[in-house]
């Protein structure tokens, strides 16, 4: 069974950058729609970026548009979330999900994914 595994979280100062990675042992994520989600304490899970399978069509939430970029690394069979100009409100547990259904926007908003990772903590200090 596909099990996404996130890495790259940590503590960063406001204005800094981090790159999160998502990979799944034995699976090439190029063949799956992948999404990044986050959940801050006391808040609902939020879909922030999704990418179509076999393509690079992406969707971003308004909260991260212009600061975060999602990309694929075919050689490493991984998906990245490049996070720039981080703010304290970006502090959350970030989750990777794979095998999404529908459009990139709908799979992020509903969400519609079959497999979820355990999450990685991102803390932005002000």
Foldseek 3Di string as FASTA:
>chain_A
DWAKAKDWADEAAAQAKTKIKIATPPDQQLQKKKWKWWDDPPGDIATAKIAHHVDGDMDGDPVQPPFWDWDADRVRSMIMIIGGRDDQVVWTWMKMFIHFDDDNVDCRGVNGGDYIYPTDTHGYHD
